[in-house]
Amino acid sequence: MKGDGSTLIDELIASLERGLDKRPLTVDQVCIGVFYTAVQLSDGHVGVAFTPRDLADTVCCPRSAAEMPQAGRLRGRTAWDLADEARSRFRLRRAVGVATLNALSASLMAEKGIPGGRIVSNADALDMAHIGAGDSVVLVGAFIPFIKKLKEQGVKLRVIDKHRDALRGEDLPLWAPPESIDKVLPEADIAVITGSALVEGGLDGLLELCSGARGVVLAGPTASPWPEPFFARGVTVLGGIRVRDGAEFMRLVAEGGSGYFFSGPAEKIAVVKSDS
């Protein structure tokens, strides 16, 4: 966190407000799917975020009502109002807010490109990080495809995840518990953090721990925000998606689609900082 007390989400909202001149965009559709949450704006742009599934209280009763977005009252709200949910203390509300921020980000990137960086279409975020054999790589979040690829590259890999059983067999020795993060993450040459940290919380602290890393990658469909404040905090690659067919994308999310199903209405992109 910066000395002025602002969080990364605060900075992202402020940056988007400046870039889009807080134009009066509204929310056309919200879909809270099993794996992802998606928001489509009145200008057609779509944003997506990880849907938290291990909610502490998901039964239908007054106790849980405050934790949930206001079903039936989201369409028609201003995008800026819904984006503010990214600051909520409730994770499901944060998912809706982050998806809205990603939709606003898509709108701004389409209009102004990437100041201080570039977009690489159909790119794997790890390929943009210049990872070499022997590098110390710390993966925050057990993203299995990344684990497989990093092992093939001959790196010194550690995986920090709250669920030890996310790793199996020969991968188990790679696991490090979350309580070791203060020691393990600062040792990384390259840090790879799943974009779901934007929803789960704690990304500000993680980036502080990565201050000595040569490269910091934020990856996954949720990692699709306007990059300016992320570059300022040391992120060198954002590996997200760009939605091409909003209606089809929203349908897939509603039907339980995950990242593997997005290749039709969306494409993988890497947003790379210019000096990386």
Protein backbone atom coordinates (compact mmCIF):
# COMPACT_ATOMS: atom_id res chain seq x y z
CA MET A 1 0.00 0.00 0.00
CA LYS A 2 1.24 3.48 -0.80
CA GLY A 3 2.09 6.00 1.86
CA ASP A 4 -1.12 7.96 1.23
CA GLY A 5 -3.16 4.96 2.37
CA SER A 6 -4.74 4.29 -1.01
CA THR A 7 -5.26 0.70 -2.08
CA LEU A 8 -4.69 -0.73 -5.53
CA ILE A 9 -8.46 -0.84 -6.08
CA ASP A 10 -8.70 2.85 -5.07
CA GLU A 11 -6.00 3.69 -7.60
CA LEU A 12 -7.63 1.61 -10.33
CA ILE A 13 -10.99 3.32 -9.86
CA ALA A 14 -9.36 6.77 -9.85
CA SER A 15 -7.34 5.96 -12.98
CA LEU A 16 -10.44 4.74 -14.83
CA GLU A 17 -12.44 7.78 -13.78
CA ARG A 18 -9.72 10.04 -15.20
CA GLY A 19 -9.30 8.04 -18.40
CA LEU A 20 -13.00 7.76 -19.17
CA ASP A 21 -13.90 11.15 -17.72
CA LYS A 22 -16.42 9.26 -15.59
CA ARG A 23 -18.76 9.05 -18.56
CA PRO A 24 -22.34 7.90 -17.77
CA LEU A 25 -22.03 4.21 -18.56
CA THR A 26 -24.66 1.89 -17.10
CA VAL A 27 -24.88 -1.84 -16.44
CA ASP A 28 -26.76 -3.86 -19.06
CA GLN A 29 -26.32 -7.33 -17.59
CA VAL A 30 -24.74 -9.11 -14.62
CA CYS A 31 -24.17 -12.86 -14.47
CA ILE A 32 -22.81 -14.54 -11.33
CA GLY A 33 -21.79 -17.94 -12.64
CA VAL A 34 -20.38 -20.90 -10.77
CA PHE A 35 -16.80 -20.21 -11.86
CA TYR A 36 -16.84 -16.61 -13.08
CA THR A 37 -18.86 -13.42 -12.69
CA ALA A 38 -19.38 -11.23 -15.75
CA VAL A 39 -20.69 -7.70 -16.25
CA GLN A 40 -21.70 -6.12 -19.56
CA LEU A 41 -21.92 -2.34 -19.86
CA SER A 42 -24.13 -0.13 -21.99
CA ASP A 43 -21.26 0.40 -24.46
CA GLY A 44 -21.07 -3.38 -25.03
CA HIS A 45 -17.80 -4.01 -23.20
CA VAL A 46 -17.63 -7.01 -20.87
CA GLY A 47 -15.52 -7.68 -17.79
CA VAL A 48 -15.05 -10.90 -15.86
CA ALA A 49 -13.87 -11.90 -12.40
CA PHE A 50 -13.39 -15.08 -10.41
CA THR A 51 -16.49 -16.16 -8.45
CA PRO A 52 -15.57 -17.14 -4.87
CA ARG A 53 -17.21 -20.46 -4.11
CA ASP A 54 -16.19 -21.38 -0.55
CA LEU A 55 -18.51 -18.80 1.00
CA ALA A 56 -18.90 -19.09 4.74
CA ASP A 57 -22.64 -18.54 4.67
CA THR A 58 -24.58 -19.34 1.50
CA VAL A 59 -27.96 -20.31 2.90
CA CYS A 60 -30.95 -18.16 1.98
CA CYS A 61 -31.60 -16.19 5.14
CA PRO A 62 -31.27 -12.60 6.42
CA ARG A 63 -27.85 -13.32 7.91
CA SER A 64 -26.34 -13.95 4.46
CA ALA A 65 -28.34 -11.36 2.53
CA ALA A 66 -25.89 -8.53 3.20
CA GLU A 67 -23.06 -10.57 1.72
CA MET A 68 -24.76 -10.93 -1.65
CA PRO A 69 -25.22 -8.42 -4.46
CA GLN A 70 -28.72 -6.98 -4.75
CA ALA A 71 -30.29 -9.49 -7.10
CA GLY A 72 -32.78 -7.88 -9.45
CA ARG A 73 -31.41 -4.40 -8.78
CA LEU A 74 -28.09 -4.46 -10.61
CA ARG A 75 -29.15 -3.85 -14.21
CA GLY A 76 -29.46 -0.15 -14.94
CA ARG A 77 -27.15 1.01 -12.16
CA THR A 78 -24.25 3.23 -13.16
CA ALA A 79 -21.03 1.36 -13.84
CA TRP A 80 -19.21 3.56 -11.31
CA ASP A 81 -21.69 2.67 -8.59
CA LEU A 82 -21.31 -1.05 -9.22
CA ALA A 83 -17.52 -0.77 -9.55
CA ASP A 84 -17.44 0.53 -5.99
CA GLU A 85 -18.46 -2.96 -4.84
CA ALA A 86 -14.81 -3.93 -5.44
CA ARG A 87 -14.16 -2.23 -2.08
CA SER A 88 -16.75 -4.35 -0.25
CA ARG A 89 -15.74 -6.53 2.68
CA PHE A 90 -17.84 -9.34 1.14
CA ARG A 91 -16.12 -11.40 -1.53
CA LEU A 92 -19.11 -12.04 -3.78
CA ARG A 93 -19.80 -8.32 -3.94
CA ARG A 94 -16.12 -7.74 -4.67
CA ALA A 95 -16.38 -10.17 -7.60
CA VAL A 96 -19.16 -8.07 -9.13
CA GLY A 97 -17.16 -4.90 -8.52
CA VAL A 98 -13.96 -6.29 -10.05
CA ALA A 99 -15.84 -7.60 -13.09
CA THR A 100 -17.28 -4.10 -13.55
CA LEU A 101 -13.81 -2.57 -13.26
CA ASN A 102 -12.57 -4.99 -15.91
CA ALA A 103 -15.44 -3.98 -18.21
CA LEU A 104 -14.55 -0.31 -17.72
CA SER A 105 -10.90 -1.22 -18.33
CA ALA A 106 -11.80 -2.92 -21.61
CA SER A 107 -13.59 0.24 -22.69
CA LEU A 108 -10.59 2.44 -21.86
CA MET A 109 -8.04 0.09 -23.47
CA ALA A 110 -10.09 -0.05 -26.67
CA GLU A 111 -10.09 3.74 -26.76
CA LYS A 112 -6.57 4.66 -25.65
CA GLY A 113 -4.38 1.58 -26.00
CA ILE A 114 -1.79 0.89 -23.30
CA PRO A 115 0.29 3.88 -22.14
CA GLY A 116 3.62 2.53 -20.93
CA GLY A 117 3.01 -0.93 -22.37
CA ARG A 118 1.65 -3.06 -25.17
CA ILE A 119 -1.00 -5.71 -25.79
CA VAL A 120 0.11 -9.05 -27.20
CA SER A 121 -2.82 -11.07 -28.57
CA ASN A 122 -3.17 -14.83 -28.08
CA ALA A 123 -0.18 -14.79 -25.76
CA ASP A 124 0.66 -16.85 -22.71
CA ALA A 125 1.57 -14.61 -19.77
CA LEU A 126 4.46 -16.87 -18.75
CA ASP A 127 6.01 -16.55 -22.21
CA MET A 128 6.08 -12.77 -21.76
CA ALA A 129 7.89 -12.95 -18.42
CA HIS A 130 11.31 -14.04 -19.76
CA ILE A 131 11.66 -16.89 -17.28
CA GLY A 132 14.89 -18.83 -17.56
CA ALA A 133 16.13 -22.19 -16.30
CA GLY A 134 17.37 -21.86 -12.74
CA ASP A 135 15.18 -18.87 -11.93
CA SER A 136 13.45 -18.94 -8.57
CA VAL A 137 9.72 -18.76 -9.36
CA VAL A 138 7.00 -18.49 -6.74
CA LEU A 139 3.44 -19.23 -7.85
CA VAL A 140 0.74 -17.84 -5.57
CA GLY A 141 -2.23 -20.09 -6.21
CA ALA A 142 -1.98 -23.68 -7.46
CA PHE A 143 -2.73 -23.10 -11.14
CA ILE A 144 -1.99 -26.55 -12.56
CA PRO A 145 -1.24 -25.58 -16.21
CA PHE A 146 1.34 -23.07 -14.96
CA ILE A 147 2.91 -25.64 -12.64
CA LYS A 148 3.34 -28.08 -15.53
CA LYS A 149 4.85 -25.46 -17.82
CA LEU A 150 7.21 -24.05 -15.18
CA LYS A 151 8.48 -27.52 -14.28
CA GLU A 152 9.30 -28.11 -17.94
CA GLN A 153 11.34 -24.89 -17.94
CA GLY A 154 13.61 -26.17 -15.18
CA VAL A 155 12.95 -23.43 -12.67
CA LYS A 156 13.21 -23.56 -8.89
CA LEU A 157 9.49 -23.60 -8.17
CA ARG A 158 7.49 -23.07 -5.00
CA VAL A 159 3.68 -23.01 -4.91
CA ILE A 160 1.85 -21.16 -2.15
CA ASP A 161 -1.75 -22.26 -1.72
CA LYS A 162 -4.03 -22.60 1.28
CA HIS A 163 -5.06 -26.07 0.09
CA ARG A 164 -2.18 -28.56 0.21
CA ASP A 165 -4.33 -31.12 -1.60
CA ALA A 166 -4.40 -28.82 -4.66
CA LEU A 167 -1.09 -30.51 -5.46
CA ARG A 168 -0.75 -34.23 -6.07
CA GLY A 169 1.98 -36.85 -6.23
CA GLU A 170 5.38 -35.58 -7.32
CA ASP A 171 4.21 -31.97 -7.07
CA LEU A 172 3.56 -32.11 -3.32
CA PRO A 173 7.13 -31.06 -2.36
CA LEU A 174 6.56 -27.79 -4.25
CA TRP A 175 3.86 -26.73 -1.79
CA ALA A 176 4.43 -23.98 0.75
CA PRO A 177 1.78 -22.98 3.31
CA PRO A 178 0.35 -19.43 3.28
CA GLU A 179 2.00 -18.63 6.61
CA SER A 180 5.40 -18.97 4.90
CA ILE A 181 4.64 -16.32 2.29
CA ASP A 182 6.61 -13.55 4.05
CA LYS A 183 9.76 -15.67 3.68
CA VAL A 184 9.16 -17.43 0.35
CA LEU A 185 7.82 -14.65 -1.87
CA PRO A 186 10.68 -12.13 -1.35
CA GLU A 187 13.10 -14.82 -2.61
CA ALA A 188 11.44 -14.98 -6.04
CA ASP A 189 13.15 -13.83 -9.23
CA ILE A 190 9.73 -14.11 -10.86
CA ALA A 191 6.45 -14.02 -8.93
CA VAL A 192 3.28 -15.34 -10.56
CA ILE A 193 0.03 -14.42 -8.83
CA THR A 194 -3.41 -15.59 -9.90
CA GLY A 195 -5.80 -12.79 -10.79
CA SER A 196 -8.32 -14.13 -8.29
CA ALA A 197 -6.32 -12.22 -5.64
CA LEU A 198 -8.17 -9.13 -6.85
CA VAL A 199 -11.35 -10.72 -5.51
CA GLU A 200 -9.98 -12.72 -2.60
CA GLY A 201 -8.08 -9.71 -1.25
CA GLY A 202 -4.49 -9.22 -0.12
CA LEU A 203 -2.97 -8.30 -3.49
CA ASP A 204 -1.50 -5.05 -2.14
CA GLY A 205 0.52 -6.95 0.44
CA LEU A 206 1.61 -9.59 -2.06
CA LEU A 207 3.00 -6.96 -4.41
CA GLU A 208 4.93 -5.36 -1.57
CA LEU A 209 6.58 -8.73 -0.89
CA CYS A 210 7.54 -8.97 -4.58
CA SER A 211 9.42 -5.67 -4.62
CA GLY A 212 12.76 -7.38 -5.25
CA ALA A 213 11.53 -9.63 -8.07
CA ARG A 214 12.73 -9.15 -11.65
CA GLY A 215 9.23 -9.77 -12.92
CA VAL A 216 5.72 -9.96 -11.48
CA VAL A 217 2.96 -11.67 -13.43
CA LEU A 218 -0.75 -11.38 -12.62
CA ALA A 219 -2.58 -14.03 -14.61
CA GLY A 220 -6.00 -15.50 -15.31
CA PRO A 221 -9.25 -14.07 -16.75
CA THR A 222 -9.66 -11.83 -13.68
CA ALA A 223 -6.28 -10.21 -14.46
CA SER A 224 -7.75 -7.96 -17.17
CA PRO A 225 -7.73 -4.46 -15.59
CA TRP A 226 -6.43 -1.12 -16.85
CA PRO A 227 -2.69 -1.64 -16.23
CA GLU A 228 -1.47 1.82 -15.17
CA PRO A 229 -1.74 1.37 -11.36
CA PHE A 230 -0.47 -2.21 -11.59
CA PHE A 231 2.64 -1.17 -13.53
CA ALA A 232 3.24 1.48 -10.86
CA ARG A 233 3.26 -1.23 -8.19
CA GLY A 234 5.73 -3.49 -9.95
CA VAL A 235 3.55 -5.76 -12.09
CA THR A 236 5.31 -6.40 -15.41
CA VAL A 237 2.77 -8.68 -17.15
CA LEU A 238 -1.02 -8.91 -16.90
CA GLY A 239 -2.21 -12.11 -18.53
CA GLY A 240 -5.96 -11.72 -18.97
CA ILE A 241 -8.59 -11.90 -21.68
CA ARG A 242 -10.31 -9.61 -24.17
CA VAL A 243 -13.99 -10.35 -24.88
CA ARG A 244 -14.90 -10.31 -28.57
CA ASP A 245 -18.52 -11.50 -28.47
CA GLY A 246 -20.25 -10.10 -25.40
CA ALA A 247 -23.57 -11.91 -25.79
CA GLU A 248 -21.95 -15.32 -26.28
CA PHE A 249 -19.53 -14.71 -23.43
CA MET A 250 -22.34 -13.83 -21.03
CA ARG A 251 -24.22 -16.96 -22.11
CA LEU A 252 -21.19 -19.17 -21.41
CA VAL A 253 -20.70 -17.69 -17.94
CA ALA A 254 -24.41 -18.22 -17.18
CA GLU A 255 -24.10 -21.86 -18.23
CA GLY A 256 -21.15 -22.53 -15.92
CA GLY A 257 -18.32 -21.88 -18.35
CA SER A 258 -14.78 -21.61 -17.03
CA GLY A 259 -11.58 -20.25 -18.55
CA TYR A 260 -11.24 -23.25 -20.83
CA PHE A 261 -14.49 -22.36 -22.62
CA PHE A 262 -13.74 -18.71 -23.32
CA SER A 263 -11.57 -19.20 -26.42
CA GLY A 264 -14.50 -18.63 -28.79
CA PRO A 265 -16.01 -15.34 -27.61
CA ALA A 266 -12.77 -14.14 -25.99
CA GLU A 267 -9.04 -14.24 -26.62
CA LYS A 268 -6.09 -14.48 -24.28
CA ILE A 269 -3.99 -11.34 -24.12
CA ALA A 270 -0.85 -10.30 -22.32
CA VAL A 271 -0.47 -6.66 -21.33
CA VAL A 272 3.28 -6.13 -21.02
CA LYS A 273 5.06 -3.20 -19.43
CA SER A 274 7.30 -1.43 -21.95
CA ASP A 275 10.64 -2.07 -20.24
CA SER A 276 9.86 -5.76 -19.61
